[in-house]
Protein backbone atom coordinates (compact mmCIF):
# COMPACT_ATOMS: atom_id res chain seq x y z
CA MET A 1 30.33 -32.60 32.15
CA CYS A 2 26.65 -33.87 31.41
CA ALA A 3 24.89 -36.61 33.26
CA PRO A 4 24.17 -39.45 30.96
CA VAL A 5 20.59 -39.22 29.61
CA THR A 6 19.11 -41.42 27.02
CA LEU A 7 15.93 -40.64 25.33
CA VAL A 8 13.95 -43.44 23.88
CA LEU A 9 12.19 -42.51 20.71
CA ASP A 10 9.62 -44.27 18.54
CA ASN A 11 11.34 -43.60 15.27
CA ALA A 12 9.01 -40.85 13.90
CA LYS A 13 10.45 -39.02 11.07
CA TYR A 14 10.31 -35.63 12.93
CA GLN A 15 12.39 -37.11 15.65
CA ARG A 16 15.30 -37.93 13.19
CA CYS A 17 15.37 -34.36 11.87
CA ASP A 18 18.65 -32.19 12.06
CA PHE A 19 17.12 -29.91 14.69
CA VAL A 20 16.34 -32.76 17.05
CA GLN A 21 19.76 -34.41 16.41
CA ASN A 22 21.68 -31.13 17.10
CA LYS A 23 19.67 -30.30 20.00
CA ALA A 24 20.29 -33.78 21.57
CA LYS A 25 24.10 -33.33 21.08
CA GLU A 26 23.76 -29.71 22.68
CA LEU A 27 21.95 -31.16 25.54
CA CYS A 28 24.48 -34.23 25.87
CA MET A 29 21.50 -36.64 25.39
CA GLU A 30 21.68 -39.95 23.60
CA LEU A 31 18.80 -40.64 21.38
CA LEU A 32 17.88 -44.30 21.27
CA PHE A 33 15.35 -45.17 18.37
CA LEU A 34 13.15 -48.11 18.86
CA PRO A 35 13.00 -50.61 15.83
CA SER A 36 10.36 -49.75 13.10
CA TYR A 37 6.97 -50.55 14.28
CA SER A 38 7.56 -51.67 17.76
CA PRO A 39 4.47 -50.81 19.81
CA ASN A 40 5.22 -53.51 22.35
CA MET A 41 8.39 -51.74 23.36
CA ASN A 42 6.69 -48.49 23.92
CA LEU A 43 4.68 -48.33 27.33
CA ILE A 44 2.44 -45.35 26.15
CA GLU A 45 1.21 -47.49 23.32
CA ARG A 46 0.28 -50.21 25.82
CA LEU A 47 -1.56 -47.67 28.08
CA TRP A 48 -3.40 -46.23 25.08
CA LYS A 49 -4.39 -49.82 24.08
CA TRP A 50 -5.86 -50.27 27.71
CA ARG A 51 -7.53 -46.89 27.57
CA LYS A 52 -9.19 -47.58 24.25
CA LYS A 53 -10.62 -50.91 25.49
CA ASP A 54 -11.76 -49.39 28.75
CA CYS A 55 -13.72 -46.59 27.23
CA LEU A 56 -14.03 -46.91 23.46
CA ASN A 57 -14.27 -50.38 22.55
CA CYS A 58 -17.66 -51.00 20.95
CA LYS A 59 -19.16 -47.96 22.56
CA TYR A 60 -20.99 -45.19 20.82
CA TYR A 61 -21.16 -41.65 22.43
CA SER A 62 -23.88 -39.50 20.89
CA LYS A 63 -22.47 -36.27 22.49
CA CYS A 64 -18.85 -35.11 22.72
CA SER A 65 -19.65 -34.43 26.39
CA GLU A 66 -20.22 -38.18 27.06
CA PHE A 67 -17.00 -39.12 25.36
CA VAL A 68 -14.91 -36.51 27.40
CA GLU A 69 -16.71 -37.89 30.44
CA ALA A 70 -15.84 -41.50 29.53
CA ILE A 71 -12.08 -40.61 29.03
CA GLN A 72 -11.98 -38.72 32.41
CA LYS A 73 -13.54 -41.78 34.16
CA SER A 74 -10.88 -43.84 32.59
CA LEU A 75 -8.19 -41.50 33.62
CA GLN A 76 -9.45 -41.58 37.17
CA LYS A 77 -9.37 -45.31 37.22
CA THR A 78 -5.59 -45.11 36.57
CA GLU A 79 -5.22 -42.42 39.32
CA ASN A 80 -7.25 -44.45 41.71
CA LYS A 81 -5.43 -47.63 40.69
CA GLU A 82 -8.48 -49.54 39.77
CA ASN A 83 -7.50 -52.40 37.46
CA ILE A 84 -4.03 -52.18 38.94
CA ASN A 85 -3.33 -55.94 38.27
CA ASP A 86 -4.19 -55.39 34.47
CA LEU A 87 -2.18 -52.15 34.29
CA ASP A 88 0.84 -53.86 36.09
CA THR A 89 0.87 -56.78 33.63
CA LEU A 90 0.34 -54.51 30.82
CA LEU A 91 3.01 -52.02 31.59
CA ALA A 92 5.58 -54.45 32.90
CA LEU A 93 9.09 -54.07 31.10
CA ASN A 94 8.68 -57.58 29.48
CA PHE A 95 9.48 -56.73 26.05
CA GLN A 96 9.97 -59.07 23.25
CA LEU A 97 13.67 -59.24 22.44
CA TYR A 98 14.98 -60.09 18.93
CA ASP A 99 18.51 -61.47 19.91
CA ASP A 100 17.29 -64.78 18.47
CA SER A 101 15.22 -63.70 15.54
CA ILE A 102 15.70 -65.15 12.18
CA TYR A 103 17.31 -61.80 11.18
CA ASN A 104 20.23 -62.23 13.64
CA ARG A 105 20.94 -65.95 12.80
CA ALA A 106 23.98 -66.54 10.81
């Protein structure tokens, strides 16, 4: 018997292909697809938003090495838990729910 595993996916076309569906069944995994365009429900999208703001927003890097260094510094901030309050707020599991949306009202 398999342990219950649910894999949350962001609804990309390649995630819905027969290969992925069959492999999930083979591995006893449930695939849970997020609603179309739901970046607020995908934590990596939130982290990427913070990362872009931290090292890309309105900044020009004349050399690729400067850009790489900026990304590495941003990654280091995460590891060192700098900006921990911002990240804790951003990465909290406070998703917008649609139970009371106009689409669900009778």
